[in-house]
C-alpha atoms as a PDB file:
ATOM      1  CA  MET A   1      61.124 -43.497  -1.726  1.00  0.00           C
ATOM      2  CA  PRO A   2      59.651 -41.667  -4.670  1.00  0.00           C
ATOM      3  CA  THR A   3      56.086 -40.126  -4.241  1.00  0.00           C
ATOM      4  CA  ARG A   4      53.924 -39.857  -7.081  1.00  0.00           C
ATOM      5  CA  HIS A   5      51.204 -37.077  -7.089  1.00  0.00           C
ATOM      6  CA  LYS A   6      48.025 -37.578  -8.974  1.00  0.00           C
ATOM      7  CA  ARG A   7      47.102 -34.644 -11.071  1.00  0.00           C
ATOM      8  CA  PRO A   8      43.422 -33.557 -11.007  1.00  0.00           C
ATOM      9  CA  SER A   9      41.524 -34.587 -14.086  1.00  0.00           C
ATOM     10  CA  LEU A  10      40.074 -31.896 -16.617  1.00  0.00           C
ATOM     11  CA  ARG A  11      36.562 -33.454 -16.010  1.00  0.00           C
ATOM     12  CA  ASN A  12      36.858 -32.490 -12.223  1.00  0.00           C
ATOM     13  CA  LYS A  13      38.024 -28.951 -13.087  1.00  0.00           C
ATOM     14  CA  LEU A  14      35.165 -28.420 -15.612  1.00  0.00           C
ATOM     15  CA  ALA A  15      32.396 -29.673 -13.218  1.00  0.00           C
ATOM     16  CA  ILE A  16      33.653 -27.319 -10.361  1.00  0.00           C
ATOM     17  CA  ALA A  17      33.746 -24.420 -12.861  1.00  0.00           C
ATOM     18  CA  ALA A  18      30.056 -25.237 -14.174  1.00  0.00           C
ATOM     19  CA  VAL A  19      28.860 -25.488 -10.554  1.00  0.00           C
ATOM     20  CA  LEU A  20      30.451 -22.202  -9.716  1.00  0.00           C
ATOM     21  CA  ILE A  21      28.876 -20.485 -12.990  1.00  0.00           C
ATOM     22  CA  ALA A  22      25.532 -21.878 -12.266  1.00  0.00           C
ATOM     23  CA  PHE A  23      25.658 -20.430  -8.734  1.00  0.00           C
ATOM     24  CA  GLN A  24      26.717 -17.082  -9.958  1.00  0.00           C
ATOM     25  CA  GLY A  25      23.915 -17.205 -12.417  1.00  0.00           C
ATOM     26  CA  TYR A  26      21.443 -18.076  -9.542  1.00  0.00           C
ATOM     27  CA  LEU A  27      22.627 -15.017  -7.613  1.00  0.00           C
ATOM     28  CA  GLY A  28      22.657 -12.846 -10.700  1.00  0.00           C
ATOM     29  CA  TYR A  29      19.011 -13.891 -11.310  1.00  0.00           C
ATOM     30  CA  HIS A  30      17.885 -13.038  -7.825  1.00  0.00           C
ATOM     31  CA  LEU A  31      19.694  -9.818  -7.717  1.00  0.00           C
ATOM     32  CA  ILE A  32      17.492  -8.771 -10.571  1.00  0.00           C
ATOM     33  CA  GLU A  33      14.188 -10.629 -10.071  1.00  0.00           C
ATOM     34  CA  GLY A  34      14.271 -11.667  -6.427  1.00  0.00           C
ATOM     35  CA  ASN A  35      12.114 -10.515  -3.635  1.00  0.00           C
ATOM     36  CA  PHE A  36      14.536  -7.542  -2.801  1.00  0.00           C
ATOM     37  CA  GLY A  37      15.853  -7.159  -6.346  1.00  0.00           C
ATOM     38  CA  ILE A  38      15.969  -4.258  -8.665  1.00  0.00           C
ATOM     39  CA  VAL A  39      12.464  -4.850 -10.248  1.00  0.00           C
ATOM     40  CA  SER A  40      10.935  -5.284  -6.722  1.00  0.00           C
ATOM     41  CA  GLN A  41      12.346  -2.114  -5.559  1.00  0.00           C
ATOM     42  CA  ALA A  42      10.567  -0.147  -8.309  1.00  0.00           C
ATOM     43  CA  LYS A  43       7.458  -1.925  -7.352  1.00  0.00           C
ATOM     44  CA  PHE A  44       7.915  -1.241  -3.725  1.00  0.00           C
ATOM     45  CA  SER A  45       8.433   2.536  -4.408  1.00  0.00           C
ATOM     46  CA  GLN A  46       5.260   2.695  -6.555  1.00  0.00           C
ATOM     47  CA  GLN A  47       3.364   0.897  -3.801  1.00  0.00           C
ATOM     48  CA  VAL A  48       4.759   3.657  -1.263  1.00  0.00           C
ATOM     49  CA  ILE A  49       3.479   6.534  -3.294  1.00  0.00           C
ATOM     50  CA  GLU A  50      -0.043   5.007  -3.591  1.00  0.00           C
ATOM     51  CA  LEU A  51      -0.213   4.312   0.075  1.00  0.00           C
ATOM     52  CA  ARG A  52       0.879   7.707   0.876  1.00  0.00           C
ATOM     53  CA  ILE A  53      -1.924   9.180  -1.319  1.00  0.00           C
ATOM     54  CA  GLU A  54      -4.541   6.781   0.404  1.00  0.00           C
ATOM     55  CA  ARG A  55      -3.094   7.873   3.765  1.00  0.00           C
ATOM     56  CA  ASP A  56      -3.536  11.513   3.017  1.00  0.00           C
ATOM     57  CA  GLN A  57      -7.172  11.028   1.681  1.00  0.00           C
ATOM     58  CA  LEU A  58      -7.977   8.986   4.838  1.00  0.00           C
ATOM     59  CA  ALA A  59      -6.521  11.872   6.903  1.00  0.00           C
ATOM     60  CA  GLN A  60      -8.620  14.408   5.190  1.00  0.00           C
ATOM     61  CA  THR A  61     -11.776  12.203   5.759  1.00  0.00           C
ATOM     62  CA  ILE A  62     -11.044  11.818   9.567  1.00  0.00           C
ATOM     63  CA  ASP A  63     -10.423  15.671   9.684  1.00  0.00           C
ATOM     64  CA  VAL A  64     -13.839  16.371   8.138  1.00  0.00           C
ATOM     65  CA  ALA A  65     -15.541  13.645  10.437  1.00  0.00           C
ATOM     66  CA  GLN A  66     -13.904  15.147  13.560  1.00  0.00           C
ATOM     67  CA  ASN A  67     -15.078  18.681  12.499  1.00  0.00           C
ATOM     68  CA  ARG A  68     -18.619  17.420  12.189  1.00  0.00           C
ATOM     69  CA  ASN A  69     -18.305  15.630  15.528  1.00  0.00           C
ATOM     70  CA  SER A  70     -17.106  18.718  17.266  1.00  0.00           C
ATOM     71  CA  LEU A  71     -20.066  20.808  16.050  1.00  0.00           C
ATOM     72  CA  LEU A  72     -22.349  18.186  17.737  1.00  0.00           C
ATOM     73  CA  THR A  73     -20.828  18.447  21.299  1.00  0.00           C
ATOM     74  CA  ALA A  74     -22.990  20.060  23.956  1.00  0.00           C
ATOM     75  CA  ASP A  75     -20.839  23.178  24.503  1.00  0.00           C
ATOM     76  CA  ARG A  76     -20.668  23.980  20.674  1.00  0.00           C
ATOM     77  CA  LEU A  77     -24.007  22.559  19.476  1.00  0.00           C
ATOM     78  CA  ASP A  78     -25.052  24.017  16.006  1.00  0.00           C
ATOM     79  CA  PRO A  79     -28.742  24.226  15.754  1.00  0.00           C
ATOM     80  CA  ASP A  80     -28.788  24.301  11.911  1.00  0.00           C
ATOM     81  CA  LEU A  81     -26.620  21.124  11.712  1.00  0.00           C
ATOM     82  CA  LEU A  82     -28.738  19.369  14.217  1.00  0.00           C
ATOM     83  CA  THR A  83     -31.978  20.054  12.556  1.00  0.00           C
ATOM     84  CA  GLU A  84     -30.537  19.250   9.125  1.00  0.00           C
ATOM     85  CA  ARG A  85     -29.434  16.037  10.583  1.00  0.00           C
ATOM     86  CA  ALA A  86     -32.642  15.373  12.425  1.00  0.00           C
ATOM     87  CA  ARG A  87     -34.765  16.085   9.282  1.00  0.00           C
ATOM     88  CA  TYR A  88     -32.611  13.849   7.174  1.00  0.00           C
ATOM     89  CA  LEU A  89     -32.774  11.036   9.443  1.00  0.00           C
ATOM     90  CA  LEU A  90     -36.497  11.262  10.253  1.00  0.00           C
ATOM     91  CA  GLY A  91     -37.436  12.095   6.736  1.00  0.00           C
ATOM     92  CA  TRP A  92     -39.237  15.118   7.732  1.00  0.00           C
ATOM     93  CA  GLY A  93     -39.423  18.624   5.981  1.00  0.00           C
ATOM     94  CA  ASN A  94     -40.496  22.040   6.844  1.00  0.00           C
ATOM     95  CA  PRO A  95     -43.553  23.323   4.792  1.00  0.00           C
ATOM     96  CA  ASN A  96     -41.338  26.322   3.769  1.00  0.00           C
ATOM     97  CA  ASP A  97     -38.382  24.113   2.592  1.00  0.00           C
ATOM     98  CA  LEU A  98     -37.953  23.525  -1.061  1.00  0.00           C
ATOM     99  CA  ILE A  99     -37.133  19.847  -1.292  1.00  0.00           C
ATOM    100  CA  VAL A 100     -35.008  18.602  -4.478  1.00  0.00           C
ATOM    101  CA  PRO A 101     -35.180  14.845  -4.892  1.00  0.00           C
ATOM    102  CA  THR A 102     -31.990  13.161  -5.780  1.00  0.00           C
ATOM    103  CA  VAL A 103     -31.066   9.787  -6.984  1.00  0.00           C
ATOM    104  CA  SER A 104     -29.075   7.960  -4.170  1.00  0.00           C
ATOM    105  CA  GLN A 105     -26.731   5.152  -5.190  1.00  0.00           C
END
């Protein structure tokens, strides 16, 4: 009993090839432009640099604030700093002080 095998048509082969090429194009596009692609990696590194600079500035601000706070503790009270802050907050001045008005923004 002879068996006859049907050969796949050229149209099916071309359709499969077209689908595979389109899938490779999709993967290639996302390799370059995707969320974790090559372009995004450059943006991430720039953002990391900016955030490190901001972190360093905030750390410096925290250090200054902690230093000023430590001067106001009861065991290390600095009388000059205390009178300066009290005069500034109350708007008072000593008659011997030279007051220079500044424009505050």
